[in-house]
C-alpha atoms as a PDB file:
ATOM      1  CA  MET A   1       0.000   0.000   0.000  1.00  0.00           C
ATOM      2  CA  ASP A   2       0.976   3.516  -0.559  1.00  0.00           C
ATOM      3  CA  LEU A   3       2.186   5.328   2.617  1.00  0.00           C
ATOM      4  CA  VAL A   4       0.591   8.636   1.552  1.00  0.00           C
ATOM      5  CA  PHE A   5      -2.815   6.940   1.221  1.00  0.00           C
ATOM      6  CA  ILE A   6      -2.556   5.460   4.743  1.00  0.00           C
ATOM      7  CA  ILE A   7      -1.605   8.838   6.254  1.00  0.00           C
ATOM      8  CA  LYS A   8      -4.472  10.611   4.447  1.00  0.00           C
ATOM      9  CA  SER A   9      -6.883   7.902   5.633  1.00  0.00           C
ATOM     10  CA  LEU A  10      -5.742   8.248   9.250  1.00  0.00           C
ATOM     11  CA  ILE A  11      -6.070  12.043   9.121  1.00  0.00           C
ATOM     12  CA  GLY A  12      -9.569  11.672   7.639  1.00  0.00           C
ATOM     13  CA  LEU A  13     -10.589   9.202  10.382  1.00  0.00           C
ATOM     14  CA  VAL A  14      -9.214  11.481  13.125  1.00  0.00           C
ATOM     15  CA  LEU A  15     -11.162  14.445  11.694  1.00  0.00           C
ATOM     16  CA  LEU A  16     -14.326  12.341  11.469  1.00  0.00           C
ATOM     17  CA  LEU A  17     -13.839  11.177  15.062  1.00  0.00           C
ATOM     18  CA  GLY A  18     -13.326  14.801  16.170  1.00  0.00           C
ATOM     19  CA  ILE A  19     -16.548  15.871  14.478  1.00  0.00           C
ATOM     20  CA  LEU A  20     -18.492  13.019  16.102  1.00  0.00           C
ATOM     21  CA  VAL A  21     -17.093  13.840  19.552  1.00  0.00           C
ATOM     22  CA  ALA A  22     -17.960  17.532  19.058  1.00  0.00           C
ATOM     23  CA  LEU A  23     -21.537  16.590  18.107  1.00  0.00           C
ATOM     24  CA  LEU A  24     -21.795  14.347  21.148  1.00  0.00           C
ATOM     25  CA  LEU A  25     -20.617  17.080  23.512  1.00  0.00           C
ATOM     26  CA  TYR A  26     -22.506  19.927  21.880  1.00  0.00           C
ATOM     27  CA  ARG A  27     -26.026  20.305  23.176  1.00  0.00           C
ATOM     28  CA  PRO A  28     -28.285  22.931  21.666  1.00  0.00           C
ATOM     29  CA  ASN A  29     -29.931  25.398  24.032  1.00  0.00           C
ATOM     30  CA  LYS A  30     -32.530  23.319  25.814  1.00  0.00           C
ATOM     31  CA  LYS A  31     -35.081  25.015  27.984  1.00  0.00           C
ATOM     32  CA  LYS A  32     -34.182  24.166  31.508  1.00  0.00           C
ATOM     33  CA  GLY A  33     -36.903  23.329  33.970  1.00  0.00           C
ATOM     34  CA  ASN A  34     -37.349  24.910  37.346  1.00  0.00           C
ATOM     35  CA  GLU A  35     -35.048  24.033  40.223  1.00  0.00           C
ATOM     36  CA  ALA A  36     -37.136  21.027  41.193  1.00  0.00           C
ATOM     37  CA  GLY A  37     -36.597  19.520  37.747  1.00  0.00           C
ATOM     38  CA  GLU A  38     -40.159  19.730  36.576  1.00  0.00           C
ATOM     39  CA  GLY A  39     -39.474  20.406  32.897  1.00  0.00           C
ATOM     40  CA  THR A  40     -40.973  23.278  30.951  1.00  0.00           C
ATOM     41  CA  LYS A  41     -44.484  23.111  32.379  1.00  0.00           C
ATOM     42  CA  LYS A  42     -45.525  26.318  34.153  1.00  0.00           C
ATOM     43  CA  ASP A  43     -46.124  26.108  37.892  1.00  0.00           C
ATOM     44  CA  SER A  44     -49.729  27.231  37.555  1.00  0.00           C
ATOM     45  CA  ASP A  45     -50.468  24.322  35.181  1.00  0.00           C
ATOM     46  CA  TYR A  46     -49.980  21.641  37.842  1.00  0.00           C
ATOM     47  CA  THR A  47     -53.139  20.130  39.299  1.00  0.00           C
ATOM     48  CA  LEU A  48     -53.531  19.347  42.964  1.00  0.00           C
ATOM     49  CA  GLU A  49     -53.455  15.635  42.109  1.00  0.00           C
ATOM     50  CA  GLU A  50     -50.121  15.961  40.268  1.00  0.00           C
ATOM     51  CA  LEU A  51     -48.629  17.836  43.197  1.00  0.00           C
ATOM     52  CA  TYR A  52     -50.015  15.252  45.604  1.00  0.00           C
ATOM     53  CA  SER A  53     -48.301  12.486  43.638  1.00  0.00           C
ATOM     54  CA  ILE A  54     -44.972  14.339  43.998  1.00  0.00           C
ATOM     55  CA  ILE A  55     -45.527  14.677  47.747  1.00  0.00           C
ATOM     56  CA  LYS A  56     -46.600  11.032  48.022  1.00  0.00           C
ATOM     57  CA  ASP A  57     -43.456   9.811  46.218  1.00  0.00           C
ATOM     58  CA  LYS A  58     -40.976   8.603  48.861  1.00  0.00           C
ATOM     59  CA  HIS A  59     -38.081   9.459  46.521  1.00  0.00           C
ATOM     60  CA  SER A  60     -38.963  13.168  46.244  1.00  0.00           C
ATOM     61  CA  THR A  61     -36.179  15.350  47.602  1.00  0.00           C
ATOM     62  CA  THR A  62     -36.664  18.025  50.235  1.00  0.00           C
ATOM     63  CA  LYS A  63     -36.216  20.662  47.537  1.00  0.00           C
ATOM     64  CA  LYS A  64     -38.870  19.050  45.352  1.00  0.00           C
ATOM     65  CA  LEU A  65     -41.257  18.760  48.309  1.00  0.00           C
ATOM     66  CA  LYS A  66     -40.807  22.436  49.138  1.00  0.00           C
ATOM     67  CA  TRP A  67     -41.461  23.354  45.509  1.00  0.00           C
ATOM     68  CA  ALA A  68     -44.637  21.219  45.389  1.00  0.00           C
ATOM     69  CA  LEU A  69     -45.966  22.631  48.672  1.00  0.00           C
ATOM     70  CA  ASP A  70     -45.265  26.188  47.535  1.00  0.00           C
ATOM     71  CA  ILE A  71     -47.267  25.537  44.357  1.00  0.00           C
ATOM     72  CA  VAL A  72     -50.109  23.998  46.379  1.00  0.00           C
ATOM     73  CA  ILE A  73     -50.312  27.119  48.543  1.00  0.00           C
ATOM     74  CA  ARG A  74     -49.847  29.585  45.677  1.00  0.00           C
ATOM     75  CA  TYR A  75     -52.346  28.122  43.199  1.00  0.00           C
ATOM     76  CA  HIS A  76     -54.534  25.696  45.161  1.00  0.00           C
ATOM     77  CA  GLY A  77     -54.346  27.031  48.718  1.00  0.00           C
ATOM     78  CA  GLU A  78     -57.922  28.103  49.239  1.00  0.00           C
ATOM     79  CA  ILE A  79     -60.264  25.361  50.335  1.00  0.00           C
ATOM     80  CA  PRO A  80     -63.964  25.871  49.481  1.00  0.00           C
ATOM     81  CA  PRO A  81     -65.931  27.080  52.529  1.00  0.00           C
ATOM     82  CA  LYS A  82     -67.699  24.724  54.888  1.00  0.00           C
ATOM     83  CA  ASN A  83     -71.349  23.866  54.315  1.00  0.00           C
ATOM     84  CA  GLY A  84     -72.552  24.781  57.788  1.00  0.00           C
ATOM     85  CA  VAL A  85     -70.554  22.473  60.055  1.00  0.00           C
ATOM     86  CA  GLN A  86     -69.928  19.934  57.304  1.00  0.00           C
ATOM     87  CA  LEU A  87     -66.450  19.971  55.758  1.00  0.00           C
ATOM     88  CA  ASP A  88     -66.135  20.474  52.036  1.00  0.00           C
ATOM     89  CA  GLU A  89     -65.081  17.313  50.154  1.00  0.00           C
ATOM     90  CA  ASP A  90     -61.940  19.065  48.867  1.00  0.00           C
ATOM     91  CA  PHE A  91     -60.667  19.490  52.425  1.00  0.00           C
ATOM     92  CA  TYR A  92     -59.797  15.801  52.542  1.00  0.00           C
ATOM     93  CA  LYS A  93     -57.300  16.278  49.697  1.00  0.00           C
ATOM     94  CA  TYR A  94     -55.474  18.832  51.820  1.00  0.00           C
ATOM     95  CA  SER A  95     -55.665  16.610  54.870  1.00  0.00           C
ATOM     96  CA  GLU A  96     -53.993  13.819  52.868  1.00  0.00           C
ATOM     97  CA  ILE A  97     -51.242  16.247  51.827  1.00  0.00           C
ATOM     98  CA  LEU A  98     -50.723  17.197  55.485  1.00  0.00           C
ATOM     99  CA  LEU A  99     -50.530  13.564  56.562  1.00  0.00           C
ATOM    100  CA  ARG A 100     -48.140  12.640  53.735  1.00  0.00           C
ATOM    101  CA  ILE A 101     -45.825  15.578  54.279  1.00  0.00           C
ATOM    102  CA  CYS A 102     -45.571  14.781  57.985  1.00  0.00           C
ATOM    103  CA  GLN A 103     -44.647  11.168  57.258  1.00  0.00           C
ATOM    104  CA  HIS A 104     -42.335  11.787  54.286  1.00  0.00           C
ATOM    105  CA  PRO A 105     -38.740  10.630  54.894  1.00  0.00           C
ATOM    106  CA  ASN A 106     -37.231  13.762  53.276  1.00  0.00           C
ATOM    107  CA  THR A 107     -39.347  16.374  55.020  1.00  0.00           C
ATOM    108  CA  LYS A 108     -38.061  18.924  57.505  1.00  0.00           C
ATOM    109  CA  LYS A 109     -39.902  20.523  60.408  1.00  0.00           C
ATOM    110  CA  GLU A 110     -39.607  23.968  58.794  1.00  0.00           C
ATOM    111  CA  LEU A 111     -41.335  22.640  55.687  1.00  0.00           C
ATOM    112  CA  ILE A 112     -44.226  21.217  57.707  1.00  0.00           C
ATOM    113  CA  LEU A 113     -44.596  24.380  59.789  1.00  0.00           C
ATOM    114  CA  GLU A 114     -44.502  26.704  56.759  1.00  0.00           C
ATOM    115  CA  PHE A 115     -47.174  24.683  54.961  1.00  0.00           C
ATOM    116  CA  ASP A 116     -49.350  24.453  58.074  1.00  0.00           C
ATOM    117  CA  LYS A 117     -49.112  28.193  58.763  1.00  0.00           C
ATOM    118  CA  ALA A 118     -49.840  29.190  55.154  1.00  0.00           C
ATOM    119  CA  LEU A 119     -52.784  26.797  54.871  1.00  0.00           C
ATOM    120  CA  ARG A 120     -54.305  28.075  58.118  1.00  0.00           C
ATOM    121  CA  GLU A 121     -53.859  31.710  57.058  1.00  0.00           C
ATOM    122  CA  LEU A 122     -55.618  31.069  53.749  1.00  0.00           C
ATOM    123  CA  ASN A 123     -58.416  29.031  55.356  1.00  0.00           C
ATOM    124  CA  PRO A 124     -59.226  30.388  58.836  1.00  0.00           C
ATOM    125  CA  GLN A 125     -62.547  28.499  58.947  1.00  0.00           C
ATOM    126  CA  TYR A 126     -60.570  25.201  58.848  1.00  0.00           C
ATOM    127  CA  LYS A 127     -57.991  26.017  61.569  1.00  0.00           C
ATOM    128  CA  LYS A 128     -59.221  23.338  63.964  1.00  0.00           C
ATOM    129  CA  GLU A 129     -59.397  20.624  61.306  1.00  0.00           C
ATOM    130  CA  ILE A 130     -55.964  21.518  59.897  1.00  0.00           C
ATOM    131  CA  ASN A 131     -54.512  21.346  63.401  1.00  0.00           C
ATOM    132  CA  ASP A 132     -56.196  17.957  63.993  1.00  0.00           C
ATOM    133  CA  PHE A 133     -54.732  16.463  60.810  1.00  0.00           C
ATOM    134  CA  LEU A 134     -51.328  17.967  61.525  1.00  0.00           C
ATOM    135  CA  THR A 135     -51.390  16.310  64.948  1.00  0.00           C
ATOM    136  CA  ARG A 136     -52.400  12.979  63.375  1.00  0.00           C
ATOM    137  CA  GLY A 137     -49.580  13.236  60.856  1.00  0.00           C
ATOM    138  CA  LEU A 138     -46.974  14.074  63.484  1.00  0.00           C
ATOM    139  CA  ASN A 139     -48.205  11.277  65.732  1.00  0.00           C
ATOM    140  CA  ALA A 140     -47.990   8.827  62.822  1.00  0.00           C
ATOM    141  CA  ARG A 141     -44.460  10.068  62.158  1.00  0.00           C
ATOM    142  CA  ASP A 142     -43.463   9.262  65.757  1.00  0.00           C
ATOM    143  CA  ILE A 143     -44.906   5.755  65.413  1.00  0.00           C
ATOM    144  CA  ALA A 144     -43.214   5.168  62.061  1.00  0.00           C
ATOM    145  CA  SER A 145     -39.801   6.310  63.306  1.00  0.00           C
ATOM    146  CA  SER A 146     -39.927   4.133  66.457  1.00  0.00           C
END
């Protein structure tokens, strides 16, 4: 074989390899999601059920939990008023969130207290019920950690 042909072939392969490596490393400008890693969906587009599933997930980080609870308060924080003494059906969704957040392995006391305070401020007619479910959640946490 001709030595010049082999050298030209090697140079061509090295250039081709360089181009492929550059394409592999180059990533076009992707829209980054929010800090919790939720993609490009706007915060206001999340339903209470989607946020509940994030809170329910035992693998959710503390940062992700805080993000989800902030969105719950910001966009879904107001519970429909009571019908006399009867609780609105939607209240039980919030009670489940309270119970789950209290029992979550990655939660912090500050996170629980912030959510509890904000929920009570937005829904003063439910203060007693919120406190009852918070107590249940914290008691269940003590039992689970024993």
